[in-house]
Structure formats: structure tokens, C-alpha cells
Amino acid sequence: MENKAHALAAGVFVAVVAALLLGLAAWLSRDNAQYQPYEISTRESVTGLQEQAPVRYRGVDVGKVQSIAFVQRNPGSVLVRLAIEPRAPVTRETFATLGFQGVTGLAYVQLDDSGKAAPPPEPQDGQLPRIPLRPGLVSRLGDRGEDILDQVEEASNKLNQLLADPNQQRVATALESIDQAARSVAQLSQQ
């Protein structure tokens, strides 16, 4: 009978500690900050971007991605809703790009501006204020990828032509001639 009482006490203790830990985790993860909603509408790919991804203004965390969805009125367009702190200096000159964190491929929204003074963006047609999305480095490399591959292939073909057997013999002959000329110059300088 005594063993059952100890087991019951241990079980109640574990349940109470687990409930306290869950309560502590919920309390620590609560978010009481006030956010200003903004939207990004784009036809660009948003690969690696997820809900709750950070939004950074010149590298400083200022918010998070609230949702990512397709625009129903414009098939193929993606609508990204952002929650940005009011202290962030978002203006009509502000633009967004996608940045990537390390080698994980996880994306975040990077905000920047042209440096000109401008008023904050205003809602239009009952929609949230919009921030334009510009192509990032990875997107630009993807767009130029075919051109880069063509140039690499052309350089490889030229290198193969340069290293072909007839050219190798010419290069070997030229090196022998240079060697002979160097020896002749050395003999002349000794005399």
C-alpha cells in the first residue's frame, strides 16, 4: 500500500512540474508587440520564405512574415503579408528583397530604401500599404544562369581547342625555342 502512495505522489509531482513548464513556455513565447501590417505582391518566386520568417530593415529585426498566399484576382502572383513594428522607418521609398540565412536555404525579408526622405506608404483601394519586392541576388543569378552557362561552355570549348594535339606540339616547339634562345643568351653573356 505504501508503494502505491509513493507512486501516486511521484505521478502528481511530475504532472504539476510538466504543467508549470508548459505555462512557463507559453508565457515566455507570448508576443505583445504592436505591429503595422504591410503587403508584398509579386510574381517572383519566394522559395524558402515561410510564415514567421524574420523581416529585417537594414539587418535589424523589425517584424515577421504573417502569411503567404496566392492572389486570387491575379493568378500566379504571390501575396506576402508582413507585420512590422511601428518604429521601423518604412516609407514610400522602401523596397524588399529576399535574403537567405547561411546554407539552410531559409529566406527572410530584407527591407531597404534609397535614402531619400519620403512619407509612409498609404493604403490604396482598401488594401494594406504595399512594399515593392525587387529581385535579390539569387533571383538575378537564376535569371542570368543560362547566359553564364553559355559563356562557361564557350570558354571551355576555346580551352579545349587551345589544348588540342596540334596546338600542344606548337607550344612544346615554342618552349624548346625559348629554351635554346635562353641558353644562347647565357653563353653570350658568359663570353
N, C-alpha and C. Protein backbone atom coordinates (compact mmCIF):
# COMPACT_ATOMS: atom_id res chain seq x y z
N MET A 1 0.82 -1.19 0.00
CA MET A 1 0.00 0.00 0.00
C MET A 1 0.86 1.26 0.00
N GLU A 2 1.99 1.17 0.73
CA GLU A 2 2.86 2.32 0.82
C GLU A 2 3.53 2.63 -0.53
N ASN A 3 3.86 1.61 -1.32
CA ASN A 3 4.46 1.81 -2.64
C ASN A 3 3.51 2.54 -3.56
N LYS A 4 2.23 2.23 -3.48
CA LYS A 4 1.25 2.90 -4.34
C LYS A 4 1.14 4.38 -3.98
N ALA A 5 1.25 4.71 -2.71
CA ALA A 5 1.18 6.11 -2.28
C ALA A 5 2.38 6.89 -2.81
N HIS A 6 3.56 6.29 -2.79
CA HIS A 6 4.76 6.96 -3.30
C HIS A 6 4.66 7.15 -4.83
N ALA A 7 4.15 6.13 -5.51
CA ALA A 7 3.99 6.23 -6.97
C ALA A 7 2.98 7.31 -7.33
N LEU A 8 1.89 7.39 -6.56
CA LEU A 8 0.87 8.42 -6.82
C LEU A 8 1.46 9.81 -6.57
N ALA A 9 2.22 9.96 -5.49
CA ALA A 9 2.84 11.26 -5.19
C ALA A 9 3.84 11.65 -6.28
N ALA A 10 4.62 10.69 -6.75
CA ALA A 10 5.58 10.97 -7.82
C ALA A 10 4.85 11.34 -9.11
N GLY A 11 3.77 10.66 -9.43
CA GLY A 11 2.99 10.96 -10.63
C GLY A 11 2.37 12.35 -10.56
N VAL A 12 1.83 12.72 -9.40
CA VAL A 12 1.25 14.06 -9.24
C VAL A 12 2.34 15.12 -9.36
N PHE A 13 3.50 14.86 -8.77
CA PHE A 13 4.61 15.81 -8.86
C PHE A 13 5.04 16.02 -10.31
N VAL A 14 5.19 14.95 -11.07
CA VAL A 14 5.59 15.05 -12.48
C VAL A 14 4.53 15.82 -13.28
N ALA A 15 3.26 15.56 -13.03
CA ALA A 15 2.19 16.25 -13.76
C ALA A 15 2.20 17.75 -13.44
N VAL A 16 2.40 18.11 -12.18
CA VAL A 16 2.43 19.52 -11.79
C VAL A 16 3.64 20.22 -12.41
N VAL A 17 4.82 19.59 -12.37
CA VAL A 17 6.01 20.18 -12.96
C VAL A 17 5.84 20.35 -14.47
N ALA A 18 5.25 19.35 -15.14
CA ALA A 18 5.01 19.45 -16.58
C ALA A 18 4.06 20.60 -16.90
N ALA A 19 3.00 20.75 -16.10
CA ALA A 19 2.06 21.85 -16.32
C ALA A 19 2.74 23.20 -16.09
N LEU A 20 3.58 23.30 -15.08
CA LEU A 20 4.32 24.55 -14.82
C LEU A 20 5.27 24.87 -15.98
N LEU A 21 5.96 23.87 -16.51
CA LEU A 21 6.86 24.09 -17.64
C LEU A 21 6.10 24.53 -18.89
N LEU A 22 4.96 23.93 -19.15
CA LEU A 22 4.14 24.36 -20.29
C LEU A 22 3.66 25.79 -20.10
N GLY A 23 3.24 26.13 -18.89
CA GLY A 23 2.81 27.51 -18.61
C GLY A 23 3.95 28.50 -18.79
N LEU A 24 5.14 28.14 -18.32
CA LEU A 24 6.31 29.00 -18.47
C LEU A 24 6.67 29.18 -19.95
N ALA A 25 6.62 28.11 -20.72
CA ALA A 25 6.91 28.21 -22.15
C ALA A 25 5.90 29.11 -22.85
N ALA A 26 4.63 28.98 -22.52
CA ALA A 26 3.61 29.84 -23.13
C ALA A 26 3.83 31.30 -22.73
N TRP A 27 4.19 31.53 -21.49
CA TRP A 27 4.39 32.90 -21.02
C TRP A 27 5.62 33.53 -21.69
N LEU A 28 6.69 32.75 -21.85
CA LEU A 28 7.91 33.28 -22.48
C LEU A 28 7.75 33.50 -23.98
N SER A 29 6.88 32.74 -24.63
CA SER A 29 6.74 32.87 -26.08
C SER A 29 5.61 33.81 -26.50
N ARG A 30 4.98 34.45 -25.56
CA ARG A 30 3.89 35.36 -25.93
C ARG A 30 4.47 36.58 -26.65
N ASP A 31 3.66 37.19 -27.50
CA ASP A 31 4.09 38.32 -28.30
C ASP A 31 3.09 39.45 -28.09
N ASN A 32 3.47 40.45 -27.30
CA ASN A 32 2.56 41.56 -27.01
C ASN A 32 2.85 42.79 -27.86
N ALA A 33 3.79 42.67 -28.79
CA ALA A 33 4.18 43.84 -29.58
C ALA A 33 3.06 44.24 -30.54
N GLN A 34 2.99 45.53 -30.81
CA GLN A 34 2.04 46.07 -31.78
C GLN A 34 2.74 46.12 -33.14
N TYR A 35 2.05 45.69 -34.16
CA TYR A 35 2.63 45.65 -35.50
C TYR A 35 1.77 46.42 -36.48
N GLN A 36 2.43 46.97 -37.50
CA GLN A 36 1.76 47.63 -38.62
C GLN A 36 1.75 46.62 -39.78
N PRO A 37 0.57 46.33 -40.35
CA PRO A 37 0.54 45.37 -41.45
C PRO A 37 0.92 46.01 -42.79
N TYR A 38 1.69 45.28 -43.59
CA TYR A 38 2.07 45.67 -44.94
C TYR A 38 1.93 44.44 -45.82
N GLU A 39 1.91 44.67 -47.13
CA GLU A 39 1.83 43.56 -48.07
C GLU A 39 2.89 43.69 -49.16
N ILE A 40 3.30 42.54 -49.66
CA ILE A 40 4.16 42.46 -50.84
C ILE A 40 3.41 41.59 -51.83
N SER A 41 3.22 42.07 -53.03
CA SER A 41 2.61 41.29 -54.09
C SER A 41 3.64 41.15 -55.20
N THR A 42 3.91 39.91 -55.60
CA THR A 42 4.97 39.69 -56.57
C THR A 42 4.69 38.48 -57.44
N ARG A 43 5.30 38.46 -58.60
CA ARG A 43 5.27 37.29 -59.47
C ARG A 43 6.60 36.54 -59.36
N GLU A 44 7.53 37.08 -58.56
CA GLU A 44 8.82 36.42 -58.32
C GLU A 44 8.60 35.19 -57.43
N SER A 45 9.53 34.28 -57.48
CA SER A 45 9.50 33.10 -56.62
C SER A 45 9.89 33.51 -55.20
N VAL A 46 9.21 32.96 -54.21
CA VAL A 46 9.53 33.23 -52.81
C VAL A 46 10.02 31.94 -52.13
N THR A 47 10.84 31.20 -52.86
CA THR A 47 11.37 29.94 -52.37
C THR A 47 12.11 30.14 -51.05
N GLY A 48 11.81 29.29 -50.08
CA GLY A 48 12.48 29.34 -48.79
C GLY A 48 11.84 30.26 -47.77
N LEU A 49 10.88 31.08 -48.21
CA LEU A 49 10.21 32.00 -47.28
C LEU A 49 9.06 31.27 -46.61
N GLN A 50 8.97 31.40 -45.30
CA GLN A 50 7.93 30.73 -44.53
C GLN A 50 7.26 31.73 -43.61
N GLU A 51 6.07 31.35 -43.14
CA GLU A 51 5.40 32.18 -42.14
C GLU A 51 6.29 32.24 -40.90
N GLN A 52 6.27 33.36 -40.23
CA GLN A 52 7.08 33.65 -39.04
C GLN A 52 8.54 33.92 -39.38
N ALA A 53 8.89 33.99 -40.67
CA ALA A 53 10.26 34.34 -41.05
C ALA A 53 10.51 35.79 -40.65
N PRO A 54 11.73 36.13 -40.29
CA PRO A 54 12.02 37.49 -39.87
C PRO A 54 11.94 38.50 -41.01
N VAL A 55 11.57 39.72 -40.64
CA VAL A 55 11.64 40.87 -41.53
C VAL A 55 12.70 41.78 -40.93
N ARG A 56 13.68 42.16 -41.75
CA ARG A 56 14.79 42.98 -41.26
C ARG A 56 14.88 44.26 -42.08
N TYR A 57 15.08 45.36 -41.38
CA TYR A 57 15.30 46.64 -42.03
C TYR A 57 16.77 46.96 -41.88
N ARG A 58 17.52 46.87 -42.97
CA ARG A 58 18.97 47.08 -42.96
C ARG A 58 19.66 46.20 -41.92
N GLY A 59 19.19 44.96 -41.80
CA GLY A 59 19.80 43.99 -40.91
C GLY A 59 19.22 43.95 -39.51
N VAL A 60 18.35 44.88 -39.14
CA VAL A 60 17.77 44.92 -37.80
C VAL A 60 16.38 44.28 -37.85
N ASP A 61 16.12 43.31 -36.96
CA ASP A 61 14.80 42.68 -36.92
C ASP A 61 13.73 43.70 -36.57
N VAL A 62 12.72 43.81 -37.45
CA VAL A 62 11.63 44.76 -37.21
C VAL A 62 10.26 44.11 -37.35
N GLY A 63 10.21 42.82 -37.60
CA GLY A 63 8.91 42.19 -37.75
C GLY A 63 9.02 40.76 -38.21
N LYS A 64 7.89 40.27 -38.76
CA LYS A 64 7.84 38.88 -39.20
C LYS A 64 6.84 38.74 -40.34
N VAL A 65 6.94 37.63 -41.04
CA VAL A 65 6.00 37.31 -42.11
C VAL A 65 4.77 36.69 -41.46
N GLN A 66 3.61 37.26 -41.75
CA GLN A 66 2.37 36.73 -41.17
C GLN A 66 1.78 35.61 -42.01
N SER A 67 1.71 35.83 -43.33
CA SER A 67 1.11 34.81 -44.18
C SER A 67 1.65 34.92 -45.60
N ILE A 68 1.54 33.80 -46.31
CA ILE A 68 1.95 33.73 -47.72
C ILE A 68 0.81 33.02 -48.45
N ALA A 69 0.30 33.64 -49.49
CA ALA A 69 -0.82 33.05 -50.24
C ALA A 69 -0.78 33.54 -51.68
N PHE A 70 -1.58 32.89 -52.53
CA PHE A 70 -1.72 33.34 -53.91
C PHE A 70 -2.76 34.44 -53.98
N VAL A 71 -2.58 35.36 -54.92
CA VAL A 71 -3.55 36.43 -55.15
C VAL A 71 -4.63 35.84 -56.06
N GLN A 72 -5.87 35.86 -55.58
CA GLN A 72 -6.95 35.23 -56.34
C GLN A 72 -7.31 36.03 -57.59
N ARG A 73 -7.20 37.35 -57.52
CA ARG A 73 -7.56 38.18 -58.68
C ARG A 73 -6.48 38.17 -59.75
N ASN A 74 -5.27 37.74 -59.39
CA ASN A 74 -4.15 37.77 -60.33
C ASN A 74 -3.42 36.43 -60.24
N PRO A 75 -3.85 35.44 -61.01
CA PRO A 75 -3.24 34.11 -60.91
C PRO A 75 -1.73 34.15 -61.16
N GLY A 76 -1.00 33.42 -60.33
CA GLY A 76 0.46 33.37 -60.45
C GLY A 76 1.17 34.36 -59.56
N SER A 77 0.45 35.32 -59.01
CA SER A 77 1.06 36.29 -58.10
C SER A 77 0.98 35.77 -56.67
N VAL A 78 1.99 36.11 -55.91
CA VAL A 78 2.07 35.69 -54.52
C VAL A 78 1.89 36.92 -53.64
N LEU A 79 1.07 36.79 -52.60
CA LEU A 79 0.83 37.88 -51.65
C LEU A 79 1.47 37.49 -50.32
N VAL A 80 2.41 38.31 -49.87
CA VAL A 80 3.09 38.08 -48.60
C VAL A 80 2.66 39.19 -47.66
N ARG A 81 2.05 38.82 -46.55
CA ARG A 81 1.61 39.80 -45.56
C ARG A 81 2.66 39.87 -44.46
N LEU A 82 3.10 41.11 -44.16
CA LEU A 82 4.14 41.36 -43.17
C LEU A 82 3.56 42.07 -41.96
N ALA A 83 4.12 41.80 -40.80
CA ALA A 83 3.80 42.53 -39.58
C ALA A 83 5.09 43.24 -39.16
N ILE A 84 5.08 44.57 -39.25
CA ILE A 84 6.30 45.35 -39.00
C ILE A 84 6.05 46.30 -37.83
N GLU A 85 7.04 46.41 -36.97
CA GLU A 85 6.95 47.30 -35.81
C GLU A 85 6.80 48.75 -36.28
N PRO A 86 6.00 49.56 -35.58
CA PRO A 86 5.82 50.96 -35.99
C PRO A 86 7.10 51.79 -35.95
N ARG A 87 8.09 51.38 -35.17
CA ARG A 87 9.35 52.14 -35.07
C ARG A 87 10.20 52.02 -36.33
N ALA A 88 9.91 51.03 -37.18
CA ALA A 88 10.69 50.85 -38.41
C ALA A 88 10.38 51.99 -39.38
N PRO A 89 11.41 52.62 -39.94
CA PRO A 89 11.19 53.78 -40.83
C PRO A 89 10.77 53.39 -42.24
N VAL A 90 9.61 52.75 -42.37
CA VAL A 90 9.11 52.33 -43.68
C VAL A 90 8.50 53.54 -44.38
N THR A 91 8.97 53.82 -45.61
CA THR A 91 8.46 54.95 -46.39
C THR A 91 8.07 54.46 -47.78
N ARG A 92 7.65 55.38 -48.61
CA ARG A 92 7.31 55.01 -50.00
C ARG A 92 8.54 54.61 -50.80
N GLU A 93 9.72 54.97 -50.32
CA GLU A 93 10.97 54.62 -50.98
C GLU A 93 11.49 53.24 -50.54
N THR A 94 10.84 52.63 -49.55
CA THR A 94 11.27 51.34 -49.02
C THR A 94 10.94 50.24 -50.02
N PHE A 95 11.88 49.31 -50.19
CA PHE A 95 11.65 48.15 -51.05
C PHE A 95 12.14 46.91 -50.31
N ALA A 96 11.68 45.76 -50.76
CA ALA A 96 12.02 44.50 -50.12
C ALA A 96 12.79 43.61 -51.09
N THR A 97 13.68 42.80 -50.54
CA THR A 97 14.35 41.73 -51.29
C THR A 97 14.34 40.51 -50.38
N LEU A 98 14.56 39.34 -50.98
CA LEU A 98 14.66 38.13 -50.18
C LEU A 98 16.12 37.85 -49.90
N GLY A 99 16.43 37.67 -48.64
CA GLY A 99 17.77 37.27 -48.23
C GLY A 99 17.74 35.84 -47.75
N PHE A 100 18.89 35.19 -47.72
CA PHE A 100 18.94 33.80 -47.30
C PHE A 100 19.91 33.65 -46.15
N GLN A 101 19.52 32.81 -45.17
CA GLN A 101 20.31 32.62 -43.97
C GLN A 101 21.25 31.43 -44.15
N GLY A 102 22.51 31.70 -44.25
CA GLY A 102 23.52 30.65 -44.30
C GLY A 102 23.28 29.64 -45.40
N VAL A 103 23.53 28.37 -45.08
CA VAL A 103 23.39 27.30 -46.06
C VAL A 103 22.05 26.58 -45.93
N THR A 104 21.19 27.04 -45.03
CA THR A 104 19.92 26.35 -44.80
C THR A 104 18.92 26.58 -45.92
N GLY A 105 19.04 27.69 -46.63
CA GLY A 105 18.08 28.00 -47.68
C GLY A 105 16.84 28.70 -47.16
N LEU A 106 16.76 28.92 -45.84
CA LEU A 106 15.63 29.64 -45.29
C LEU A 106 15.75 31.12 -45.64
N ALA A 107 14.65 31.68 -46.08
CA ALA A 107 14.67 33.07 -46.54
C ALA A 107 14.09 33.99 -45.47
N TYR A 108 14.44 35.25 -45.57
CA TYR A 108 13.85 36.30 -44.76
C TYR A 108 13.62 37.50 -45.67
N VAL A 109 12.82 38.44 -45.21
CA VAL A 109 12.53 39.64 -45.99
C VAL A 109 13.47 40.74 -45.52
N GLN A 110 14.25 41.26 -46.46
CA GLN A 110 15.19 42.35 -46.16
C GLN A 110 14.61 43.64 -46.71
N LEU A 111 14.39 44.63 -45.85
CA LEU A 111 13.88 45.93 -46.27
C LEU A 111 15.03 46.92 -46.36
N ASP A 112 14.95 47.79 -47.34
CA ASP A 112 15.95 48.83 -47.52
C ASP A 112 15.26 49.99 -48.24
N ASP A 113 15.95 51.09 -48.38
CA ASP A 113 15.37 52.22 -49.12
C ASP A 113 16.47 52.96 -49.86
N SER A 114 16.06 53.93 -50.64
CA SER A 114 17.01 54.68 -51.46
C SER A 114 17.72 55.77 -50.67
N GLY A 115 17.29 56.03 -49.45
CA GLY A 115 17.91 57.07 -48.64
C GLY A 115 17.24 58.41 -48.75
N LYS A 116 16.26 58.53 -49.62
CA LYS A 116 15.54 59.81 -49.77
C LYS A 116 14.43 59.89 -48.74
N ALA A 117 14.17 61.09 -48.28
CA ALA A 117 13.08 61.30 -47.34
C ALA A 117 11.76 61.16 -48.08
N ALA A 118 10.84 60.43 -47.51
CA ALA A 118 9.53 60.22 -48.14
C ALA A 118 8.51 59.91 -47.05
N PRO A 119 7.24 60.16 -47.35
CA PRO A 119 6.20 59.85 -46.36
C PRO A 119 5.95 58.35 -46.30
N PRO A 120 5.28 57.89 -45.26
CA PRO A 120 4.97 56.46 -45.18
C PRO A 120 3.98 56.06 -46.28
N PRO A 121 3.99 54.79 -46.67
CA PRO A 121 3.05 54.35 -47.71
C PRO A 121 1.61 54.38 -47.18
N GLU A 122 0.70 54.67 -48.08
CA GLU A 122 -0.72 54.75 -47.72
C GLU A 122 -1.47 53.56 -48.30
N PRO A 123 -2.52 53.12 -47.61
CA PRO A 123 -3.36 52.07 -48.19
C PRO A 123 -4.06 52.58 -49.44
N GLN A 124 -4.22 51.70 -50.44
CA GLN A 124 -4.89 52.08 -51.68
C GLN A 124 -5.99 51.08 -51.99
N ASP A 125 -7.13 51.57 -52.39
CA ASP A 125 -8.28 50.75 -52.78
C ASP A 125 -8.65 49.75 -51.69
N GLY A 126 -8.58 50.18 -50.45
CA GLY A 126 -8.97 49.32 -49.34
C GLY A 126 -7.97 48.22 -49.03
N GLN A 127 -6.81 48.24 -49.66
CA GLN A 127 -5.79 47.24 -49.40
C GLN A 127 -4.74 47.81 -48.45
N LEU A 128 -3.97 46.92 -47.86
CA LEU A 128 -2.90 47.35 -46.97
C LEU A 128 -1.82 48.06 -47.76
N PRO A 129 -1.00 48.89 -47.11
CA PRO A 129 0.12 49.53 -47.82
C PRO A 129 1.03 48.47 -48.43
N ARG A 130 1.49 48.74 -49.64
CA ARG A 130 2.33 47.78 -50.37
C ARG A 130 3.78 48.22 -50.37
N ILE A 131 4.65 47.23 -50.25
CA ILE A 131 6.10 47.43 -50.36
C ILE A 131 6.53 46.63 -51.59
N PRO A 132 7.20 47.26 -52.56
CA PRO A 132 7.61 46.52 -53.76
C PRO A 132 8.74 45.53 -53.45
N LEU A 133 8.69 44.38 -54.12
CA LEU A 133 9.73 43.37 -53.98
C LEU A 133 10.63 43.43 -55.20
N ARG A 134 11.92 43.65 -54.96
CA ARG A 134 12.90 43.67 -56.03
C ARG A 134 13.61 42.32 -56.06
N PRO A 135 14.09 41.92 -57.22
CA PRO A 135 14.81 40.64 -57.28
C PRO A 135 16.08 40.69 -56.44
N GLY A 136 16.33 39.63 -55.70
CA GLY A 136 17.54 39.53 -54.90
C GLY A 136 18.67 38.92 -55.70
N LEU A 137 19.80 38.71 -55.06
CA LEU A 137 21.00 38.20 -55.72
C LEU A 137 20.74 36.82 -56.32
N VAL A 138 20.10 35.94 -55.56
CA VAL A 138 19.85 34.58 -56.06
C VAL A 138 18.92 34.61 -57.25
N SER A 139 17.90 35.45 -57.22
CA SER A 139 16.96 35.57 -58.33
C SER A 139 17.66 36.10 -59.57
N ARG A 140 18.52 37.11 -59.40
CA ARG A 140 19.24 37.66 -60.55
C ARG A 140 20.21 36.63 -61.13
N LEU A 141 20.87 35.85 -60.25
CA LEU A 141 21.75 34.79 -60.75
C LEU A 141 20.95 33.73 -61.49
N GLY A 142 19.77 33.40 -61.00
CA GLY A 142 18.92 32.44 -61.68
C GLY A 142 18.49 32.94 -63.05
N ASP A 143 18.17 34.23 -63.15
CA ASP A 143 17.78 34.80 -64.44
C ASP A 143 18.95 34.81 -65.41
N ARG A 144 20.13 35.05 -64.92
CA ARG A 144 21.31 35.14 -65.78
C ARG A 144 22.02 33.79 -65.91
N GLY A 145 21.50 32.77 -65.24
CA GLY A 145 22.15 31.47 -65.20
C GLY A 145 22.43 30.88 -66.57
N GLU A 146 21.46 30.97 -67.49
CA GLU A 146 21.65 30.40 -68.82
C GLU A 146 22.76 31.14 -69.57
N ASP A 147 22.78 32.46 -69.45
CA ASP A 147 23.86 33.23 -70.09
C ASP A 147 25.22 32.85 -69.53
N ILE A 148 25.29 32.70 -68.23
CA ILE A 148 26.56 32.33 -67.58
C ILE A 148 27.00 30.94 -68.05
N LEU A 149 26.06 29.99 -68.11
CA LEU A 149 26.40 28.65 -68.57
C LEU A 149 26.87 28.66 -70.02
N ASP A 150 26.24 29.47 -70.87
CA ASP A 150 26.67 29.58 -72.26
C ASP A 150 28.11 30.11 -72.34
N GLN A 151 28.42 31.11 -71.53
CA GLN A 151 29.77 31.68 -71.55
C GLN A 151 30.80 30.67 -71.03
N VAL A 152 30.43 29.92 -69.99
CA VAL A 152 31.34 28.89 -69.47
C VAL A 152 31.58 27.82 -70.52
N GLU A 153 30.52 27.43 -71.24
CA GLU A 153 30.66 26.42 -72.29
C GLU A 153 31.55 26.93 -73.42
N GLU A 154 31.39 28.20 -73.81
CA GLU A 154 32.22 28.78 -74.85
C GLU A 154 33.69 28.83 -74.42
N ALA A 155 33.94 29.23 -73.18
CA ALA A 155 35.32 29.27 -72.68
C ALA A 155 35.91 27.87 -72.63
N SER A 156 35.11 26.89 -72.25
CA SER A 156 35.58 25.50 -72.20
C SER A 156 35.93 25.00 -73.60
N ASN A 157 35.10 25.34 -74.59
CA ASN A 157 35.40 24.93 -75.97
C ASN A 157 36.69 25.56 -76.47
N LYS A 158 36.89 26.84 -76.17
CA LYS A 158 38.12 27.52 -76.59
C LYS A 158 39.34 26.92 -75.90
N LEU A 159 39.20 26.58 -74.63
CA LEU A 159 40.30 25.96 -73.91
C LEU A 159 40.62 24.59 -74.48
N ASN A 160 39.58 23.83 -74.86
CA ASN A 160 39.80 22.52 -75.49
C ASN A 160 40.52 22.68 -76.83
N GLN A 161 40.15 23.69 -77.61
CA GLN A 161 40.83 23.95 -78.87
C GLN A 161 42.29 24.33 -78.64
N LEU A 162 42.51 25.12 -77.63
CA LEU A 162 43.88 25.55 -77.32
C LEU A 162 44.74 24.37 -76.89
N LEU A 163 44.15 23.42 -76.19
CA LEU A 163 44.92 22.29 -75.68
C LEU A 163 44.85 21.07 -76.60
N ALA A 164 44.35 21.23 -77.82
CA ALA A 164 44.29 20.11 -78.77
C ALA A 164 45.70 19.68 -79.14
N ASP A 165 45.85 18.46 -79.68
CA ASP A 165 47.16 17.89 -80.00
C ASP A 165 48.03 18.78 -80.89
N PRO A 166 47.51 19.33 -82.02
CA PRO A 166 48.39 20.18 -82.85
C PRO A 166 48.90 21.41 -82.08
N ASN A 167 48.05 22.00 -81.26
CA ASN A 167 48.48 23.17 -80.50
C ASN A 167 49.47 22.79 -79.40
N GLN A 168 49.31 21.60 -78.83
CA GLN A 168 50.26 21.16 -77.81
C GLN A 168 51.65 21.00 -78.42
N GLN A 169 51.71 20.48 -79.63
CA GLN A 169 53.01 20.33 -80.30
C GLN A 169 53.61 21.70 -80.58
N ARG A 170 52.79 22.66 -81.00
CA ARG A 170 53.29 24.01 -81.26
C ARG A 170 53.82 24.65 -79.98
N VAL A 171 53.07 24.47 -78.89
CA VAL A 171 53.50 25.04 -77.61
C VAL A 171 54.81 24.39 -77.17
N ALA A 172 54.93 23.07 -77.35
CA ALA A 172 56.17 22.38 -76.97
C ALA A 172 57.33 22.89 -77.82
N THR A 173 57.11 23.07 -79.12
CA THR A 173 58.15 23.59 -80.01
C THR A 173 58.55 25.00 -79.60
N ALA A 174 57.57 25.83 -79.29
CA ALA A 174 57.86 27.21 -78.87
C ALA A 174 58.66 27.21 -77.57
N LEU A 175 58.32 26.33 -76.63
CA LEU A 175 59.07 26.26 -75.37
C LEU A 175 60.51 25.82 -75.61
N GLU A 176 60.70 24.86 -76.53
CA GLU A 176 62.07 24.43 -76.85
C GLU A 176 62.86 25.59 -77.47
N SER A 177 62.22 26.35 -78.35
CA SER A 177 62.89 27.50 -78.97
C SER A 177 63.27 28.53 -77.91
N ILE A 178 62.38 28.77 -76.97
CA ILE A 178 62.66 29.73 -75.90
C ILE A 178 63.83 29.22 -75.05
N ASP A 179 63.85 27.91 -74.80
CA ASP A 179 64.94 27.32 -74.01
C ASP A 179 66.27 27.48 -74.74
N GLN A 180 66.28 27.23 -76.03
CA GLN A 180 67.51 27.39 -76.82
C GLN A 180 67.96 28.84 -76.84
N ALA A 181 67.00 29.76 -76.99
CA ALA A 181 67.35 31.18 -77.00
C ALA A 181 67.93 31.60 -75.65
N ALA A 182 67.36 31.09 -74.57
CA ALA A 182 67.86 31.43 -73.24
C ALA A 182 69.28 30.90 -73.05
N ARG A 183 69.57 29.70 -73.57
CA ARG A 183 70.93 29.15 -73.45
C ARG A 183 71.91 29.98 -74.27
N SER A 184 71.47 30.38 -75.45
CA SER A 184 72.36 31.21 -76.30
C SER A 184 72.67 32.53 -75.63
N VAL A 185 71.67 33.15 -75.01
CA VAL A 185 71.88 34.42 -74.31
C VAL A 185 72.82 34.19 -73.13
N ALA A 186 72.67 33.07 -72.43
CA ALA A 186 73.54 32.78 -71.29
C ALA A 186 74.99 32.60 -71.76
N GLN A 187 75.17 31.90 -72.90
CA GLN A 187 76.54 31.69 -73.42
C GLN A 187 77.15 33.02 -73.87
N LEU A 188 76.35 33.86 -74.53
CA LEU A 188 76.85 35.17 -74.96
C LEU A 188 77.23 36.04 -73.77
N SER A 189 76.43 35.96 -72.73
CA SER A 189 76.75 36.79 -71.55
C SER A 189 77.99 36.30 -70.84
N GLN A 190 78.26 35.00 -70.87
CA GLN A 190 79.49 34.46 -70.27
C GLN A 190 80.70 34.86 -71.07
N GLN A 191 80.58 34.98 -72.39
CA GLN A 191 81.71 35.34 -73.24
C GLN A 191 81.94 36.83 -73.11
